[in-house]
Amino acid sequence: MKIHKTVNPVAYENTYYIEGDHHLIVVDPGSHWEAIRKTIEKIDKPVCRSVDPTHYDHIMSLDLSA
């Protein structure tokens, strides 16, 4: 298992990517959609989504992993 992280430089929101052998879990896909999309594409595994609270800053890029 590998853990990756991106940070929104404006709002300092953290998005975590937990990479397993066959899948990727995205935790708190916030508003830094470009970095999130690039990270998902770079890892290139099927995505499961995990959301903590449903505040907008935790779910703004949720549709990128759909």
PDB file of N, CA and C in Angstrom:
ATOM      1  N   MET A   1       0.840  -1.164   0.000  1.00  0.00           N
ATOM      2  CA  MET A   1       0.000   0.000   0.000  1.00  0.00           C
ATOM      3  C   MET A   1       0.893   1.237   0.000  1.00  0.00           C
ATOM      4  N   LYS A   2       0.485   2.237  -0.800  1.00  0.00           N
ATOM      5  CA  LYS A   2       1.178   3.523  -0.854  1.00  0.00           C
ATOM      6  C   LYS A   2       0.165   4.624  -0.549  1.00  0.00           C
ATOM      7  N   ILE A   3       0.629   5.666   0.106  1.00  0.00           N
ATOM      8  CA  ILE A   3      -0.229   6.812   0.391  1.00  0.00           C
ATOM      9  C   ILE A   3       0.370   8.035  -0.293  1.00  0.00           C
ATOM     10  N   HIS A   4      -0.471   8.723  -1.064  1.00  0.00           N
ATOM     11  CA  HIS A   4      -0.080   9.938  -1.762  1.00  0.00           C
ATOM     12  C   HIS A   4      -0.913  11.085  -1.193  1.00  0.00           C
ATOM     13  N   LYS A   5      -0.463  12.311  -1.403  1.00  0.00           N
ATOM     14  CA  LYS A   5      -1.203  13.463  -0.885  1.00  0.00           C
ATOM     15  C   LYS A   5      -1.020  14.651  -1.823  1.00  0.00           C
ATOM     16  N   THR A   6      -2.102  15.398  -2.045  1.00  0.00           N
ATOM     17  CA  THR A   6      -2.012  16.695  -2.694  1.00  0.00           C
ATOM     18  C   THR A   6      -2.580  17.725  -1.736  1.00  0.00           C
ATOM     19  N   VAL A   7      -2.096  18.953  -1.847  1.00  0.00           N
ATOM     20  CA  VAL A   7      -2.546  20.038  -0.979  1.00  0.00           C
ATOM     21  C   VAL A   7      -2.945  21.218  -1.849  1.00  0.00           C
ATOM     22  N   ASN A   8      -4.144  21.723  -1.635  1.00  0.00           N
ATOM     23  CA  ASN A   8      -4.590  22.929  -2.321  1.00  0.00           C
ATOM     24  C   ASN A   8      -3.789  24.100  -1.763  1.00  0.00           C
ATOM     25  N   PRO A   9      -3.036  24.827  -2.597  1.00  0.00           N
ATOM     26  CA  PRO A   9      -2.185  25.896  -2.097  1.00  0.00           C
ATOM     27  C   PRO A   9      -2.943  27.133  -1.621  1.00  0.00           C
ATOM     28  N   VAL A  10      -4.201  27.254  -1.963  1.00  0.00           N
ATOM     29  CA  VAL A  10      -4.988  28.414  -1.540  1.00  0.00           C
ATOM     30  C   VAL A  10      -5.703  28.139  -0.222  1.00  0.00           C
ATOM     31  N   ALA A  11      -6.448  27.033  -0.178  1.00  0.00           N
ATOM     32  CA  ALA A  11      -7.262  26.721   0.998  1.00  0.00           C
ATOM     33  C   ALA A  11      -6.570  25.742   1.948  1.00  0.00           C
ATOM     34  N   TYR A  12      -5.427  25.218   1.558  1.00  0.00           N
ATOM     35  CA  TYR A  12      -4.684  24.226   2.353  1.00  0.00           C
ATOM     36  C   TYR A  12      -5.522  22.998   2.684  1.00  0.00           C
ATOM     37  N   GLU A  13      -6.311  22.553   1.702  1.00  0.00           N
ATOM     38  CA  GLU A  13      -7.086  21.326   1.842  1.00  0.00           C
ATOM     39  C   GLU A  13      -6.202  20.148   1.434  1.00  0.00           C
ATOM     40  N   ASN A  14      -6.235  19.109   2.198  1.00  0.00           N
ATOM     41  CA  ASN A  14      -5.479  17.901   1.895  1.00  0.00           C
ATOM     42  C   ASN A  14      -6.379  16.874   1.237  1.00  0.00           C
ATOM     43  N   THR A  15      -5.899  16.269   0.163  1.00  0.00           N
ATOM     44  CA  THR A  15      -6.558  15.114  -0.440  1.00  0.00           C
ATOM     45  C   THR A  15      -5.567  13.967  -0.369  1.00  0.00           C
ATOM     46  N   TYR A  16      -6.033  12.821   0.114  1.00  0.00           N
ATOM     47  CA  TYR A  16      -5.167  11.651   0.264  1.00  0.00           C
ATOM     48  C   TYR A  16      -5.594  10.581  -0.726  1.00  0.00           C
ATOM     49  N   TYR A  17      -4.630   9.822  -1.201  1.00  0.00           N
ATOM     50  CA  TYR A  17      -4.841   8.748  -2.165  1.00  0.00           C
ATOM     51  C   TYR A  17      -4.196   7.497  -1.580  1.00  0.00           C
ATOM     52  N   ILE A  18      -5.007   6.517  -1.281  1.00  0.00           N
ATOM     53  CA  ILE A  18      -4.504   5.269  -0.719  1.00  0.00           C
ATOM     54  C   ILE A  18      -4.490   4.253  -1.854  1.00  0.00           C
ATOM     55  N   GLU A  19      -3.293   3.897  -2.270  1.00  0.00           N
ATOM     56  CA  GLU A  19      -3.114   3.023  -3.426  1.00  0.00           C
ATOM     57  C   GLU A  19      -2.890   1.584  -2.974  1.00  0.00           C
ATOM     58  N   GLY A  20      -3.830   0.725  -3.334  1.00  0.00           N
ATOM     59  CA  GLY A  20      -3.684  -0.698  -3.067  1.00  0.00           C
ATOM     60  C   GLY A  20      -3.132  -1.407  -4.291  1.00  0.00           C
ATOM     61  N   ASP A  21      -3.063  -2.720  -4.241  1.00  0.00           N
ATOM     62  CA  ASP A  21      -2.554  -3.478  -5.380  1.00  0.00           C
ATOM     63  C   ASP A  21      -3.443  -3.337  -6.609  1.00  0.00           C
ATOM     64  N   HIS A  22      -4.766  -3.214  -6.390  1.00  0.00           N
ATOM     65  CA  HIS A  22      -5.700  -3.230  -7.511  1.00  0.00           C
ATOM     66  C   HIS A  22      -6.653  -2.045  -7.539  1.00  0.00           C
ATOM     67  N   HIS A  23      -6.556  -1.132  -6.594  1.00  0.00           N
ATOM     68  CA  HIS A  23      -7.518  -0.034  -6.542  1.00  0.00           C
ATOM     69  C   HIS A  23      -6.885   1.194  -5.879  1.00  0.00           C
ATOM     70  N   LEU A  24      -7.620   2.286  -5.957  1.00  0.00           N
ATOM     71  CA  LEU A  24      -7.204   3.548  -5.363  1.00  0.00           C
ATOM     72  C   LEU A  24      -8.376   4.110  -4.569  1.00  0.00           C
ATOM     73  N   ILE A  25      -8.140   4.489  -3.326  1.00  0.00           N
ATOM     74  CA  ILE A  25      -9.161   5.143  -2.509  1.00  0.00           C
ATOM     75  C   ILE A  25      -8.792   6.617  -2.420  1.00  0.00           C
ATOM     76  N   VAL A  26      -9.739   7.480  -2.765  1.00  0.00           N
ATOM     77  CA  VAL A  26      -9.522   8.924  -2.701  1.00  0.00           C
ATOM     78  C   VAL A  26     -10.278   9.454  -1.491  1.00  0.00           C
ATOM     79  N   VAL A  27      -9.559  10.093  -0.582  1.00  0.00           N
ATOM     80  CA  VAL A  27     -10.144  10.606   0.657  1.00  0.00           C
ATOM     81  C   VAL A  27     -10.159  12.126   0.602  1.00  0.00           C
ATOM     82  N   ASP A  28     -11.313  12.707   0.788  1.00  0.00           N
ATOM     83  CA  ASP A  28     -11.529  14.166   0.779  1.00  0.00           C
ATOM     84  C   ASP A  28     -11.117  14.825  -0.534  1.00  0.00           C
ATOM     85  N   PRO A  29     -11.800  14.487  -1.630  1.00  0.00           N
ATOM     86  CA  PRO A  29     -11.483  15.126  -2.910  1.00  0.00           C
ATOM     87  C   PRO A  29     -11.999  16.569  -2.942  1.00  0.00           C
ATOM     88  N   GLY A  30     -11.204  17.475  -2.458  1.00  0.00           N
ATOM     89  CA  GLY A  30     -11.602  18.881  -2.307  1.00  0.00           C
ATOM     90  C   GLY A  30     -11.594  19.670  -3.595  1.00  0.00           C
ATOM     91  N   SER A  31     -11.258  20.946  -3.513  1.00  0.00           N
ATOM     92  CA  SER A  31     -11.442  21.871  -4.630  1.00  0.00           C
ATOM     93  C   SER A  31     -10.247  21.996  -5.565  1.00  0.00           C
ATOM     94  N   HIS A  32      -9.168  21.322  -5.310  1.00  0.00           N
ATOM     95  CA  HIS A  32      -7.991  21.428  -6.169  1.00  0.00           C
ATOM     96  C   HIS A  32      -8.084  20.383  -7.279  1.00  0.00           C
ATOM     97  N   TRP A  33      -9.131  20.518  -8.100  1.00  0.00           N
ATOM     98  CA  TRP A  33      -9.520  19.471  -9.038  1.00  0.00           C
ATOM     99  C   TRP A  33      -8.444  19.110 -10.044  1.00  0.00           C
ATOM    100  N   GLU A  34      -7.661  20.078 -10.510  1.00  0.00           N
ATOM    101  CA  GLU A  34      -6.634  19.780 -11.512  1.00  0.00           C
ATOM    102  C   GLU A  34      -5.571  18.824 -10.951  1.00  0.00           C
ATOM    103  N   ALA A  35      -5.091  19.097  -9.746  1.00  0.00           N
ATOM    104  CA  ALA A  35      -4.092  18.221  -9.116  1.00  0.00           C
ATOM    105  C   ALA A  35      -4.690  16.854  -8.800  1.00  0.00           C
ATOM    106  N   ILE A  36      -5.940  16.840  -8.377  1.00  0.00           N
ATOM    107  CA  ILE A  36      -6.611  15.582  -8.059  1.00  0.00           C
ATOM    108  C   ILE A  36      -6.751  14.729  -9.319  1.00  0.00           C
ATOM    109  N   ARG A  37      -7.213  15.340 -10.392  1.00  0.00           N
ATOM    110  CA  ARG A  37      -7.382  14.618 -11.659  1.00  0.00           C
ATOM    111  C   ARG A  37      -6.041  14.062 -12.144  1.00  0.00           C
ATOM    112  N   LYS A  38      -4.996  14.875 -12.105  1.00  0.00           N
ATOM    113  CA  LYS A  38      -3.677  14.424 -12.563  1.00  0.00           C
ATOM    114  C   LYS A  38      -3.139  13.275 -11.709  1.00  0.00           C
ATOM    115  N   THR A  39      -3.366  13.347 -10.406  1.00  0.00           N
ATOM    116  CA  THR A  39      -2.893  12.294  -9.515  1.00  0.00           C
ATOM    117  C   THR A  39      -3.630  10.988  -9.781  1.00  0.00           C
ATOM    118  N   ILE A  40      -4.946  11.053  -9.956  1.00  0.00           N
ATOM    119  CA  ILE A  40      -5.734   9.859 -10.265  1.00  0.00           C
ATOM    120  C   ILE A  40      -5.275   9.247 -11.586  1.00  0.00           C
ATOM    121  N   GLU A  41      -5.058  10.082 -12.592  1.00  0.00           N
ATOM    122  CA  GLU A  41      -4.610   9.583 -13.892  1.00  0.00           C
ATOM    123  C   GLU A  41      -3.211   8.966 -13.804  1.00  0.00           C
ATOM    124  N   LYS A  42      -2.341   9.577 -13.023  1.00  0.00           N
ATOM    125  CA  LYS A  42      -0.970   9.083 -12.880  1.00  0.00           C
ATOM    126  C   LYS A  42      -0.941   7.702 -12.207  1.00  0.00           C
ATOM    127  N   ILE A  43      -1.757   7.521 -11.184  1.00  0.00           N
ATOM    128  CA  ILE A  43      -1.796   6.235 -10.475  1.00  0.00           C
ATOM    129  C   ILE A  43      -2.479   5.173 -11.332  1.00  0.00           C
ATOM    130  N   ASP A  44      -3.519   5.569 -12.079  1.00  0.00           N
ATOM    131  CA  ASP A  44      -4.152   4.717 -13.092  1.00  0.00           C
ATOM    132  C   ASP A  44      -4.670   3.385 -12.559  1.00  0.00           C
ATOM    133  N   LYS A  45      -5.515   3.471 -11.526  1.00  0.00           N
ATOM    134  CA  LYS A  45      -6.182   2.288 -10.985  1.00  0.00           C
ATOM    135  C   LYS A  45      -7.658   2.627 -10.764  1.00  0.00           C
ATOM    136  N   PRO A  46      -8.531   1.619 -10.717  1.00  0.00           N
ATOM    137  CA  PRO A  46      -9.942   1.894 -10.428  1.00  0.00           C
ATOM    138  C   PRO A  46     -10.067   2.638  -9.092  1.00  0.00           C
ATOM    139  N   VAL A  47     -11.003   3.569  -9.048  1.00  0.00           N
ATOM    140  CA  VAL A  47     -11.127   4.470  -7.902  1.00  0.00           C
ATOM    141  C   VAL A  47     -12.338   4.151  -7.045  1.00  0.00           C
ATOM    142  N   CYS A  48     -12.103   4.094  -5.739  1.00  0.00           N
ATOM    143  CA  CYS A  48     -13.156   4.078  -4.733  1.00  0.00           C
ATOM    144  C   CYS A  48     -13.105   5.458  -4.074  1.00  0.00           C
ATOM    145  N   ARG A  49     -14.233   5.994  -3.700  1.00  0.00           N
ATOM    146  CA  ARG A  49     -14.234   7.313  -3.072  1.00  0.00           C
ATOM    147  C   ARG A  49     -14.574   7.194  -1.607  1.00  0.00           C
ATOM    148  N   SER A  50     -13.941   8.017  -0.832  1.00  0.00           N
ATOM    149  CA  SER A  50     -14.242   8.094   0.591  1.00  0.00           C
ATOM    150  C   SER A  50     -14.368   9.559   0.959  1.00  0.00           C
ATOM    151  N   VAL A  51     -15.457   9.892   1.628  1.00  0.00           N
ATOM    152  CA  VAL A  51     -15.702  11.283   1.994  1.00  0.00           C
ATOM    153  C   VAL A  51     -15.863  11.363   3.501  1.00  0.00           C
ATOM    154  N   ASP A  52     -15.162  12.288   4.120  1.00  0.00           N
ATOM    155  CA  ASP A  52     -15.343  12.521   5.551  1.00  0.00           C
ATOM    156  C   ASP A  52     -16.632  13.316   5.732  1.00  0.00           C
ATOM    157  N   PRO A  53     -16.583  14.557   6.103  1.00  0.00           N
ATOM    158  CA  PRO A  53     -17.823  15.329   6.191  1.00  0.00           C
ATOM    159  C   PRO A  53     -18.279  15.737   4.798  1.00  0.00           C
ATOM    160  N   THR A  54     -19.497  16.169   4.673  1.00  0.00           N
ATOM    161  CA  THR A  54     -20.019  16.580   3.371  1.00  0.00           C
ATOM    162  C   THR A  54     -19.913  18.085   3.167  1.00  0.00           C
ATOM    163  N   HIS A  55     -18.937  18.712   3.758  1.00  0.00           N
ATOM    164  CA  HIS A  55     -18.694  20.133   3.491  1.00  0.00           C
ATOM    165  C   HIS A  55     -18.179  20.274   2.070  1.00  0.00           C
ATOM    166  N   TYR A  56     -18.492  21.381   1.425  1.00  0.00           N
ATOM    167  CA  TYR A  56     -18.106  21.566   0.030  1.00  0.00           C
ATOM    168  C   TYR A  56     -16.604  21.403  -0.192  1.00  0.00           C
ATOM    169  N   ASP A  57     -15.786  21.813   0.771  1.00  0.00           N
ATOM    170  CA  ASP A  57     -14.340  21.742   0.575  1.00  0.00           C
ATOM    171  C   ASP A  57     -13.800  20.319   0.672  1.00  0.00           C
ATOM    172  N   HIS A  58     -14.650  19.367   1.003  1.00  0.00           N
ATOM    173  CA  HIS A  58     -14.240  17.959   1.054  1.00  0.00           C
ATOM    174  C   HIS A  58     -14.779  17.162  -0.126  1.00  0.00           C
ATOM    175  N   ILE A  59     -15.724  17.745  -0.886  1.00  0.00           N
ATOM    176  CA  ILE A  59     -16.378  16.957  -1.932  1.00  0.00           C
ATOM    177  C   ILE A  59     -16.410  17.643  -3.291  1.00  0.00           C
ATOM    178  N   MET A  60     -15.787  18.789  -3.446  1.00  0.00           N
ATOM    179  CA  MET A  60     -15.903  19.546  -4.701  1.00  0.00           C
ATOM    180  C   MET A  60     -15.443  18.756  -5.930  1.00  0.00           C
ATOM    181  N   SER A  61     -14.472  17.901  -5.787  1.00  0.00           N
ATOM    182  CA  SER A  61     -13.953  17.145  -6.933  1.00  0.00           C
ATOM    183  C   SER A  61     -14.405  15.688  -6.921  1.00  0.00           C
ATOM    184  N   LEU A  62     -15.441  15.400  -6.175  1.00  0.00           N
ATOM    185  CA  LEU A  62     -15.924  14.025  -6.047  1.00  0.00           C
ATOM    186  C   LEU A  62     -16.273  13.412  -7.402  1.00  0.00           C
ATOM    187  N   ASP A  63     -16.826  14.194  -8.306  1.00  0.00           N
ATOM    188  CA  ASP A  63     -17.228  13.661  -9.611  1.00  0.00           C
ATOM    189  C   ASP A  63     -16.035  13.283 -10.492  1.00  0.00           C
ATOM    190  N   LEU A  64     -14.837  13.740 -10.196  1.00  0.00           N
ATOM    191  CA  LEU A  64     -13.666  13.387 -10.990  1.00  0.00           C
ATOM    192  C   LEU A  64     -13.346  11.902 -10.888  1.00  0.00           C
ATOM    193  N   SER A  65     -13.684  11.299  -9.786  1.00  0.00           N
ATOM    194  CA  SER A  65     -13.356   9.897  -9.597  1.00  0.00           C
ATOM    195  C   SER A  65     -14.530   8.983  -9.926  1.00  0.00           C
ATOM    196  N   ALA A  66     -15.548   9.520 -10.560  1.00  0.00           N
ATOM    197  CA  ALA A  66     -16.725   8.717 -10.909  1.00  0.00           C
ATOM    198  C   ALA A  66     -16.487   7.913 -12.171  1.00  0.00           C
TER     199      ALA A  66
END
